[in-house]
PDB file of N, CA and C in Angstrom:
ATOM      1  N   MET A   1     -14.775 -16.303 -15.895  1.00  0.00           N
ATOM      2  CA  MET A   1     -13.733 -15.661 -16.656  1.00  0.00           C
ATOM      3  C   MET A   1     -13.824 -14.129 -16.525  1.00  0.00           C
ATOM      4  N   LYS A   2     -15.055 -13.634 -16.395  1.00  0.00           N
ATOM      5  CA  LYS A   2     -15.233 -12.202 -16.242  1.00  0.00           C
ATOM      6  C   LYS A   2     -14.652 -11.718 -14.915  1.00  0.00           C
ATOM      7  N   ASN A   3     -14.783 -12.534 -13.862  1.00  0.00           N
ATOM      8  CA  ASN A   3     -14.229 -12.153 -12.560  1.00  0.00           C
ATOM      9  C   ASN A   3     -12.712 -12.047 -12.614  1.00  0.00           C
ATOM     10  N   LEU A   4     -12.082 -12.960 -13.332  1.00  0.00           N
ATOM     11  CA  LEU A   4     -10.621 -12.913 -13.472  1.00  0.00           C
ATOM     12  C   LEU A   4     -10.202 -11.657 -14.218  1.00  0.00           C
ATOM     13  N   SER A   5     -10.935 -11.303 -15.244  1.00  0.00           N
ATOM     14  CA  SER A   5     -10.635 -10.099 -16.007  1.00  0.00           C
ATOM     15  C   SER A   5     -10.790  -8.846 -15.141  1.00  0.00           C
ATOM     16  N   LEU A   6     -11.834  -8.799 -14.345  1.00  0.00           N
ATOM     17  CA  LEU A   6     -12.033  -7.654 -13.448  1.00  0.00           C
ATOM     18  C   LEU A   6     -10.940  -7.580 -12.391  1.00  0.00           C
ATOM     19  N   PHE A   7     -10.561  -8.746 -11.863  1.00  0.00           N
ATOM     20  CA  PHE A   7      -9.489  -8.789 -10.862  1.00  0.00           C
ATOM     21  C   PHE A   7      -8.176  -8.285 -11.449  1.00  0.00           C
ATOM     22  N   LEU A   8      -7.824  -8.735 -12.641  1.00  0.00           N
ATOM     23  CA  LEU A   8      -6.579  -8.303 -13.265  1.00  0.00           C
ATOM     24  C   LEU A   8      -6.614  -6.817 -13.604  1.00  0.00           C
ATOM     25  N   ASP A   9      -7.773  -6.324 -13.984  1.00  0.00           N
ATOM     26  CA  ASP A   9      -7.906  -4.900 -14.272  1.00  0.00           C
ATOM     27  C   ASP A   9      -7.702  -4.067 -13.002  1.00  0.00           C
ATOM     28  N   LYS A  10      -8.309  -4.493 -11.902  1.00  0.00           N
ATOM     29  CA  LYS A  10      -8.141  -3.773 -10.635  1.00  0.00           C
ATOM     30  C   LYS A  10      -6.697  -3.865 -10.139  1.00  0.00           C
ATOM     31  N   LEU A  11      -6.100  -5.043 -10.287  1.00  0.00           N
ATOM     32  CA  LEU A  11      -4.706  -5.219  -9.865  1.00  0.00           C
ATOM     33  C   LEU A  11      -3.770  -4.342 -10.691  1.00  0.00           C
ATOM     34  N   SER A  12      -4.014  -4.256 -11.982  1.00  0.00           N
ATOM     35  CA  SER A  12      -3.204  -3.413 -12.855  1.00  0.00           C
ATOM     36  C   SER A  12      -3.349  -1.939 -12.481  1.00  0.00           C
ATOM     37  N   ASN A  13      -4.564  -1.520 -12.193  1.00  0.00           N
ATOM     38  CA  ASN A  13      -4.784  -0.128 -11.789  1.00  0.00           C
ATOM     39  C   ASN A  13      -4.141   0.168 -10.438  1.00  0.00           C
ATOM     40  N   PHE A  14      -4.076  -0.813  -9.565  1.00  0.00           N
ATOM     41  CA  PHE A  14      -3.442  -0.625  -8.259  1.00  0.00           C
ATOM     42  C   PHE A  14      -1.923  -0.557  -8.384  1.00  0.00           C
ATOM     43  N   LEU A  15      -1.347  -1.426  -9.214  1.00  0.00           N
ATOM     44  CA  LEU A  15       0.114  -1.514  -9.297  1.00  0.00           C
ATOM     45  C   LEU A  15       0.741  -0.482 -10.223  1.00  0.00           C
ATOM     46  N   ALA A  16      -0.032   0.114 -11.127  1.00  0.00           N
ATOM     47  CA  ALA A  16       0.540   1.061 -12.091  1.00  0.00           C
ATOM     48  C   ALA A  16       1.228   2.239 -11.401  1.00  0.00           C
ATOM     49  N   PRO A  17       0.623   2.890 -10.406  1.00  0.00           N
ATOM     50  CA  PRO A  17       1.356   3.982  -9.756  1.00  0.00           C
ATOM     51  C   PRO A  17       2.373   3.505  -8.708  1.00  0.00           C
ATOM     52  N   ARG A  18       2.363   2.230  -8.370  1.00  0.00           N
ATOM     53  CA  ARG A  18       3.265   1.682  -7.358  1.00  0.00           C
ATOM     54  C   ARG A  18       4.218   0.671  -7.999  1.00  0.00           C
ATOM     55  N   LYS A  19       5.014   1.128  -8.928  1.00  0.00           N
ATOM     56  CA  LYS A  19       5.845   0.223  -9.730  1.00  0.00           C
ATOM     57  C   LYS A  19       6.900  -0.515  -8.908  1.00  0.00           C
ATOM     58  N   GLY A  20       7.331   0.050  -7.814  1.00  0.00           N
ATOM     59  CA  GLY A  20       8.395  -0.570  -7.039  1.00  0.00           C
ATOM     60  C   GLY A  20       7.925  -1.454  -5.904  1.00  0.00           C
ATOM     61  N   LEU A  21       6.632  -1.659  -5.781  1.00  0.00           N
ATOM     62  CA  LEU A  21       6.105  -2.424  -4.649  1.00  0.00           C
ATOM     63  C   LEU A  21       6.504  -3.897  -4.706  1.00  0.00           C
ATOM     64  N   ILE A  22       6.360  -4.528  -5.841  1.00  0.00           N
ATOM     65  CA  ILE A  22       6.676  -5.962  -5.940  1.00  0.00           C
ATOM     66  C   ILE A  22       8.183  -6.214  -5.807  1.00  0.00           C
ATOM     67  N   PRO A  23       9.055  -5.420  -6.467  1.00  0.00           N
ATOM     68  CA  PRO A  23      10.487  -5.630  -6.202  1.00  0.00           C
ATOM     69  C   PRO A  23      10.877  -5.402  -4.744  1.00  0.00           C
ATOM     70  N   LEU A  24      10.212  -4.455  -4.066  1.00  0.00           N
ATOM     71  CA  LEU A  24      10.486  -4.252  -2.644  1.00  0.00           C
ATOM     72  C   LEU A  24      10.073  -5.463  -1.818  1.00  0.00           C
ATOM     73  N   LEU A  25       8.953  -6.073  -2.173  1.00  0.00           N
ATOM     74  CA  LEU A  25       8.549  -7.303  -1.481  1.00  0.00           C
ATOM     75  C   LEU A  25       9.587  -8.407  -1.683  1.00  0.00           C
ATOM     76  N   GLY A  26      10.098  -8.514  -2.902  1.00  0.00           N
ATOM     77  CA  GLY A  26      11.134  -9.511  -3.169  1.00  0.00           C
ATOM     78  C   GLY A  26      12.398  -9.257  -2.379  1.00  0.00           C
ATOM     79  N   MET A  27      12.797  -7.995  -2.285  1.00  0.00           N
ATOM     80  CA  MET A  27      13.991  -7.672  -1.502  1.00  0.00           C
ATOM     81  C   MET A  27      13.744  -7.911  -0.019  1.00  0.00           C
ATOM     82  N   GLY A  28      12.513  -7.684   0.426  1.00  0.00           N
ATOM     83  CA  GLY A  28      12.175  -7.988   1.817  1.00  0.00           C
ATOM     84  C   GLY A  28      12.305  -9.468   2.121  1.00  0.00           C
ATOM     85  N   LEU A  29      11.885 -10.312   1.182  1.00  0.00           N
ATOM     86  CA  LEU A  29      12.033 -11.755   1.375  1.00  0.00           C
ATOM     87  C   LEU A  29      13.501 -12.161   1.420  1.00  0.00           C
ATOM     88  N   ILE A  30      14.330 -11.493   0.630  1.00  0.00           N
ATOM     89  CA  ILE A  30      15.765 -11.787   0.646  1.00  0.00           C
ATOM     90  C   ILE A  30      16.372 -11.388   1.987  1.00  0.00           C
ATOM     91  N   VAL A  31      15.939 -10.264   2.551  1.00  0.00           N
ATOM     92  CA  VAL A  31      16.428  -9.836   3.865  1.00  0.00           C
ATOM     93  C   VAL A  31      15.958 -10.812   4.947  1.00  0.00           C
ATOM     94  N   ILE A  32      14.718 -11.292   4.830  1.00  0.00           N
ATOM     95  CA  ILE A  32      14.228 -12.300   5.781  1.00  0.00           C
ATOM     96  C   ILE A  32      15.102 -13.542   5.723  1.00  0.00           C
ATOM     97  N   ASN A  33      15.510 -13.939   4.517  1.00  0.00           N
ATOM     98  CA  ASN A  33      16.388 -15.103   4.392  1.00  0.00           C
ATOM     99  C   ASN A  33      17.731 -14.847   5.069  1.00  0.00           C
ATOM    100  N   LEU A  34      18.260 -13.628   4.923  1.00  0.00           N
ATOM    101  CA  LEU A  34      19.526 -13.293   5.570  1.00  0.00           C
ATOM    102  C   LEU A  34      19.402 -13.393   7.089  1.00  0.00           C
ATOM    103  N   LEU A  35      18.303 -12.877   7.628  1.00  0.00           N
ATOM    104  CA  LEU A  35      18.088 -12.961   9.068  1.00  0.00           C
ATOM    105  C   LEU A  35      17.911 -14.402   9.534  1.00  0.00           C
ATOM    106  N   LEU A  36      17.262 -15.219   8.725  1.00  0.00           N
ATOM    107  CA  LEU A  36      17.103 -16.634   9.084  1.00  0.00           C
ATOM    108  C   LEU A  36      18.445 -17.353   9.135  1.00  0.00           C
ATOM    109  N   GLN A  37      19.387 -16.943   8.284  1.00  0.00           N
ATOM    110  CA  GLN A  37      20.707 -17.569   8.290  1.00  0.00           C
ATOM    111  C   GLN A  37      21.412 -17.329   9.623  1.00  0.00           C
ATOM    112  N   PHE A  38      21.188 -16.156  10.230  1.00  0.00           N
ATOM    113  CA  PHE A  38      21.837 -15.835  11.494  1.00  0.00           C
ATOM    114  C   PHE A  38      21.109 -16.412  12.697  1.00  0.00           C
ATOM    115  N   PHE A  39      19.783 -16.348  12.691  1.00  0.00           N
ATOM    116  CA  PHE A  39      19.031 -16.693  13.894  1.00  0.00           C
ATOM    117  C   PHE A  39      18.463 -18.105  13.901  1.00  0.00           C
ATOM    118  N   ALA A  40      18.273 -18.713  12.741  1.00  0.00           N
ATOM    119  CA  ALA A  40      17.741 -20.076  12.679  1.00  0.00           C
ATOM    120  C   ALA A  40      18.595 -20.881  11.711  1.00  0.00           C
ATOM    121  N   GLY A  41      19.882 -20.929  11.975  1.00  0.00           N
ATOM    122  CA  GLY A  41      20.835 -21.539  11.050  1.00  0.00           C
ATOM    123  C   GLY A  41      20.608 -23.006  10.742  1.00  0.00           C
ATOM    124  N   GLY A  42      20.060 -23.758  11.673  1.00  0.00           N
ATOM    125  CA  GLY A  42      19.900 -25.187  11.445  1.00  0.00           C
ATOM    126  C   GLY A  42      18.532 -25.594  10.928  1.00  0.00           C
ATOM    127  N   SER A  43      17.659 -24.624  10.716  1.00  0.00           N
ATOM    128  CA  SER A  43      16.295 -24.975  10.304  1.00  0.00           C
ATOM    129  C   SER A  43      16.242 -25.308   8.815  1.00  0.00           C
ATOM    130  N   TRP A  44      15.139 -25.909   8.425  1.00  0.00           N
ATOM    131  CA  TRP A  44      14.947 -26.297   7.034  1.00  0.00           C
ATOM    132  C   TRP A  44      14.869 -25.072   6.129  1.00  0.00           C
ATOM    133  N   LEU A  45      14.206 -24.011   6.598  1.00  0.00           N
ATOM    134  CA  LEU A  45      14.084 -22.798   5.783  1.00  0.00           C
ATOM    135  C   LEU A  45      15.441 -22.160   5.538  1.00  0.00           C
ATOM    136  N   ALA A  46      16.292 -22.169   6.540  1.00  0.00           N
ATOM    137  CA  ALA A  46      17.612 -21.559   6.382  1.00  0.00           C
ATOM    138  C   ALA A  46      18.516 -22.407   5.496  1.00  0.00           C
ATOM    139  N   SER A  47      18.424 -23.699   5.601  1.00  0.00           N
ATOM    140  CA  SER A  47      19.323 -24.555   4.822  1.00  0.00           C
ATOM    141  C   SER A  47      18.933 -24.627   3.350  1.00  0.00           C
ATOM    142  N   THR A  48      17.646 -24.446   3.036  1.00  0.00           N
ATOM    143  CA  THR A  48      17.220 -24.493   1.638  1.00  0.00           C
ATOM    144  C   THR A  48      17.235 -23.130   0.966  1.00  0.00           C
ATOM    145  N   ASN A  49      17.394 -22.055   1.751  1.00  0.00           N
ATOM    146  CA  ASN A  49      17.357 -20.688   1.214  1.00  0.00           C
ATOM    147  C   ASN A  49      16.073 -20.434   0.438  1.00  0.00           C
ATOM    148  N   LEU A  50      14.963 -20.904   0.973  1.00  0.00           N
ATOM    149  CA  LEU A  50      13.674 -20.783   0.300  1.00  0.00           C
ATOM    150  C   LEU A  50      13.296 -19.327   0.069  1.00  0.00           C
ATOM    151  N   PHE A  51      13.457 -18.488   1.089  1.00  0.00           N
ATOM    152  CA  PHE A  51      13.078 -17.084   0.947  1.00  0.00           C
ATOM    153  C   PHE A  51      14.008 -16.346  -0.019  1.00  0.00           C
ATOM    154  N   LEU A  52      15.240 -16.763  -0.105  1.00  0.00           N
ATOM    155  CA  LEU A  52      16.169 -16.155  -1.053  1.00  0.00           C
ATOM    156  C   LEU A  52      15.716 -16.421  -2.480  1.00  0.00           C
ATOM    157  N   HIS A  53      15.422 -17.674  -2.778  1.00  0.00           N
ATOM    158  CA  HIS A  53      15.018 -18.030  -4.135  1.00  0.00           C
ATOM    159  C   HIS A  53      13.661 -17.432  -4.489  1.00  0.00           C
ATOM    160  N   PHE A  54      12.720 -17.510  -3.570  1.00  0.00           N
ATOM    161  CA  PHE A  54      11.395 -16.963  -3.828  1.00  0.00           C
ATOM    162  C   PHE A  54      11.455 -15.436  -3.947  1.00  0.00           C
ATOM    163  N   GLY A  55      12.257 -14.800  -3.108  1.00  0.00           N
ATOM    164  CA  GLY A  55      12.407 -13.351  -3.174  1.00  0.00           C
ATOM    165  C   GLY A  55      13.041 -12.896  -4.470  1.00  0.00           C
ATOM    166  N   LEU A  56      14.006 -13.645  -4.956  1.00  0.00           N
ATOM    167  CA  LEU A  56      14.640 -13.306  -6.227  1.00  0.00           C
ATOM    168  C   LEU A  56      13.651 -13.422  -7.377  1.00  0.00           C
ATOM    169  N   LEU A  57      12.856 -14.477  -7.373  1.00  0.00           N
ATOM    170  CA  LEU A  57      11.834 -14.635  -8.417  1.00  0.00           C
ATOM    171  C   LEU A  57      10.795 -13.524  -8.351  1.00  0.00           C
ATOM    172  N   VAL A  58      10.361 -13.169  -7.161  1.00  0.00           N
ATOM    173  CA  VAL A  58       9.371 -12.104  -7.000  1.00  0.00           C
ATOM    174  C   VAL A  58       9.952 -10.771  -7.464  1.00  0.00           C
ATOM    175  N   ALA A  59      11.191 -10.481  -7.112  1.00  0.00           N
ATOM    176  CA  ALA A  59      11.817  -9.212  -7.504  1.00  0.00           C
ATOM    177  C   ALA A  59      11.983  -9.128  -9.021  1.00  0.00           C
ATOM    178  N   ILE A  60      12.422 -10.197  -9.653  1.00  0.00           N
ATOM    179  CA  ILE A  60      12.576 -10.186 -11.110  1.00  0.00           C
ATOM    180  C   ILE A  60      11.228 -10.042 -11.791  1.00  0.00           C
ATOM    181  N   PHE A  61      10.222 -10.764 -11.298  1.00  0.00           N
ATOM    182  CA  PHE A  61       8.872 -10.629 -11.847  1.00  0.00           C
ATOM    183  C   PHE A  61       8.356  -9.201 -11.665  1.00  0.00           C
ATOM    184  N   GLY A  62       8.627  -8.605 -10.521  1.00  0.00           N
ATOM    185  CA  GLY A  62       8.187  -7.234 -10.264  1.00  0.00           C
ATOM    186  C   GLY A  62       8.851  -6.234 -11.184  1.00  0.00           C
ATOM    187  N   LEU A  63      10.133  -6.420 -11.462  1.00  0.00           N
ATOM    188  CA  LEU A  63      10.815  -5.530 -12.386  1.00  0.00           C
ATOM    189  C   LEU A  63      10.266  -5.660 -13.805  1.00  0.00           C
ATOM    190  N   MET A  64      10.004  -6.884 -14.220  1.00  0.00           N
ATOM    191  CA  MET A  64       9.434  -7.097 -15.546  1.00  0.00           C
ATOM    192  C   MET A  64       8.028  -6.516 -15.634  1.00  0.00           C
ATOM    193  N   LEU A  65       7.245  -6.671 -14.582  1.00  0.00           N
ATOM    194  CA  LEU A  65       5.891  -6.125 -14.568  1.00  0.00           C
ATOM    195  C   LEU A  65       5.910  -4.605 -14.540  1.00  0.00           C
ATOM    196  N   ALA A  66       6.824  -4.018 -13.786  1.00  0.00           N
ATOM    197  CA  ALA A  66       6.922  -2.553 -13.729  1.00  0.00           C
ATOM    198  C   ALA A  66       7.329  -1.988 -15.077  1.00  0.00           C
ATOM    199  N   TRP A  67       8.169  -2.707 -15.779  1.00  0.00           N
ATOM    200  CA  TRP A  67       8.595  -2.248 -17.098  1.00  0.00           C
ATOM    201  C   TRP A  67       7.425  -2.301 -18.081  1.00  0.00           C
ATOM    202  N   ALA A  68       6.573  -3.315 -17.943  1.00  0.00           N
ATOM    203  CA  ALA A  68       5.422  -3.465 -18.843  1.00  0.00           C
ATOM    204  C   ALA A  68       4.322  -2.446 -18.536  1.00  0.00           C
ATOM    205  N   LEU A  69       4.192  -2.052 -17.265  1.00  0.00           N
ATOM    206  CA  LEU A  69       3.158  -1.084 -16.912  1.00  0.00           C
ATOM    207  C   LEU A  69       3.647   0.302 -17.182  1.00  0.00           C
TER     208      LEU A  69
END
């Protein structure tokens, strides 16, 4: 349990000055999904929009985390 606490403390100290990093990662995943729609239209990843949904969740989580930090 102490290791988890230390990890979260280090992660918080890393992300505090970089508030926009996680939303940028989410937007990057959304752009990857857009590119997959054009270049791999028939694949499973493109048809399920996995990167779109995951990117949206990551971006929303990042915005909420940035607001809390």
